Amino acid sequence: MKFGVNTATTNYAPYATVHEKIATYIQKNYDCGHDVVKSIRTGQLVDLVAEKPTRAIATGTKAAKATVSSSRV
């Protein structure tokens, strides 16, 4: 990663530049990187357990679903 800050008097990048470049890199290149970046930017750990999807058992009968789908055609 290049941060692009080189002048005659300084050879370092500001913290905000480095922070944002690292966050952007993680978000682009890692699976579920958006959760990690959210934690980095806010400074708070994201609770990954709370956002698990839940499955629900479908209700109704096949006949009822057939009438609904046939009425749409």
C-alpha atoms as a PDB file:
ATOM      1  CA  MET A   1       0.000   0.000   0.000  1.00  0.00           C
ATOM      2  CA  LYS A   2       1.293   3.428  -0.889  1.00  0.00           C
ATOM      3  CA  PHE A   3       0.124   6.408   1.085  1.00  0.00           C
ATOM      4  CA  GLY A   4       1.567   9.055  -1.201  1.00  0.00           C
ATOM      5  CA  VAL A   5       2.974  11.515   1.345  1.00  0.00           C
ATOM      6  CA  ASN A   6       6.642  12.279   0.753  1.00  0.00           C
ATOM      7  CA  THR A   7       7.912  15.818   1.001  1.00  0.00           C
ATOM      8  CA  ALA A   8      11.323  17.332   1.602  1.00  0.00           C
ATOM      9  CA  THR A   9      10.670  17.723   5.326  1.00  0.00           C
ATOM     10  CA  THR A  10       8.426  14.733   6.122  1.00  0.00           C
ATOM     11  CA  ASN A  11       8.566  11.085   5.181  1.00  0.00           C
ATOM     12  CA  TYR A  12       5.378   9.894   6.839  1.00  0.00           C
ATOM     13  CA  ALA A  13       1.638   9.963   6.251  1.00  0.00           C
ATOM     14  CA  PRO A  14      -0.923  11.434   8.646  1.00  0.00           C
ATOM     15  CA  TYR A  15      -2.798   9.029  10.884  1.00  0.00           C
ATOM     16  CA  ALA A  16      -6.143   9.713   9.212  1.00  0.00           C
ATOM     17  CA  THR A  17      -4.735   8.829   5.779  1.00  0.00           C
ATOM     18  CA  VAL A  18      -3.253   5.544   6.967  1.00  0.00           C
ATOM     19  CA  HIS A  19      -6.402   4.707   8.944  1.00  0.00           C
ATOM     20  CA  GLU A  20      -8.670   5.253   5.942  1.00  0.00           C
ATOM     21  CA  LYS A  21      -6.409   3.398   3.476  1.00  0.00           C
ATOM     22  CA  ILE A  22      -6.269   0.336   5.742  1.00  0.00           C
ATOM     23  CA  ALA A  23     -10.036   0.385   6.292  1.00  0.00           C
ATOM     24  CA  THR A  24     -10.697   0.659   2.547  1.00  0.00           C
ATOM     25  CA  TYR A  25      -8.269  -2.173   1.783  1.00  0.00           C
ATOM     26  CA  ILE A  26      -9.925  -4.471   4.331  1.00  0.00           C
ATOM     27  CA  GLN A  27     -13.401  -3.641   3.051  1.00  0.00           C
ATOM     28  CA  LYS A  28     -12.446  -4.429  -0.551  1.00  0.00           C
ATOM     29  CA  ASN A  29     -10.383  -7.580  -0.052  1.00  0.00           C
ATOM     30  CA  TYR A  30     -11.825  -9.548   2.859  1.00  0.00           C
ATOM     31  CA  ASP A  31     -15.044 -11.502   3.286  1.00  0.00           C
ATOM     32  CA  CYS A  32     -17.355  -9.643   5.668  1.00  0.00           C
ATOM     33  CA  GLY A  33     -14.863  -6.780   5.594  1.00  0.00           C
ATOM     34  CA  HIS A  34     -17.642  -4.238   6.098  1.00  0.00           C
ATOM     35  CA  ASP A  35     -18.132  -5.508   9.666  1.00  0.00           C
ATOM     36  CA  VAL A  36     -14.422  -5.181  10.423  1.00  0.00           C
ATOM     37  CA  VAL A  37     -14.286  -1.706   8.906  1.00  0.00           C
ATOM     38  CA  LYS A  38     -17.306  -0.633  10.936  1.00  0.00           C
ATOM     39  CA  SER A  39     -15.434  -1.689  14.073  1.00  0.00           C
ATOM     40  CA  ILE A  40     -12.275   0.119  12.983  1.00  0.00           C
ATOM     41  CA  ARG A  41     -14.034   3.367  12.115  1.00  0.00           C
ATOM     42  CA  THR A  42     -16.250   3.549  15.204  1.00  0.00           C
ATOM     43  CA  GLY A  43     -13.798   2.060  17.689  1.00  0.00           C
ATOM     44  CA  GLN A  44     -16.478  -0.322  18.993  1.00  0.00           C
ATOM     45  CA  LEU A  45     -16.605  -4.058  18.444  1.00  0.00           C
ATOM     46  CA  VAL A  46     -19.492  -5.156  16.247  1.00  0.00           C
ATOM     47  CA  ASP A  47     -21.546  -7.948  17.802  1.00  0.00           C
ATOM     48  CA  LEU A  48     -21.505 -10.528  15.011  1.00  0.00           C
ATOM     49  CA  VAL A  49     -23.589 -13.024  16.995  1.00  0.00           C
ATOM     50  CA  ALA A  50     -26.627 -10.749  17.130  1.00  0.00           C
ATOM     51  CA  GLU A  51     -26.938 -10.453  13.354  1.00  0.00           C
ATOM     52  CA  LYS A  52     -27.348 -14.129  12.524  1.00  0.00           C
ATOM     53  CA  PRO A  53     -30.207 -14.803  10.145  1.00  0.00           C
ATOM     54  CA  THR A  54     -33.089 -16.847  11.476  1.00  0.00           C
ATOM     55  CA  ARG A  55     -35.058 -19.374   9.495  1.00  0.00           C
ATOM     56  CA  ALA A  56     -38.792 -19.578   9.723  1.00  0.00           C
ATOM     57  CA  ILE A  57     -40.924 -22.530   8.709  1.00  0.00           C
ATOM     58  CA  ALA A  58     -43.251 -21.674   5.860  1.00  0.00           C
ATOM     59  CA  THR A  59     -46.940 -21.789   6.622  1.00  0.00           C
ATOM     60  CA  GLY A  60     -49.796 -22.637   4.301  1.00  0.00           C
ATOM     61  CA  THR A  61     -50.540 -25.489   1.972  1.00  0.00           C
ATOM     62  CA  LYS A  62     -49.395 -26.253  -1.543  1.00  0.00           C
ATOM     63  CA  ALA A  63     -52.932 -25.722  -2.826  1.00  0.00           C
ATOM     64  CA  ALA A  64     -53.069 -22.210  -1.357  1.00  0.00           C
ATOM     65  CA  LYS A  65     -49.693 -21.357  -2.891  1.00  0.00           C
ATOM     66  CA  ALA A  66     -50.829 -22.719  -6.262  1.00  0.00           C
ATOM     67  CA  THR A  67     -53.904 -20.478  -6.257  1.00  0.00           C
ATOM     68  CA  VAL A  68     -51.833 -17.438  -5.395  1.00  0.00           C
ATOM     69  CA  SER A  69     -49.258 -18.129  -8.097  1.00  0.00           C
ATOM     70  CA  SER A  70     -51.924 -18.907 -10.726  1.00  0.00           C
ATOM     71  CA  SER A  71     -53.811 -15.693  -9.963  1.00  0.00           C
ATOM     72  CA  ARG A  72     -50.680 -13.627 -10.696  1.00  0.00           C
ATOM     73  CA  VAL A  73     -50.394 -14.981 -14.273  1.00  0.00           C
END
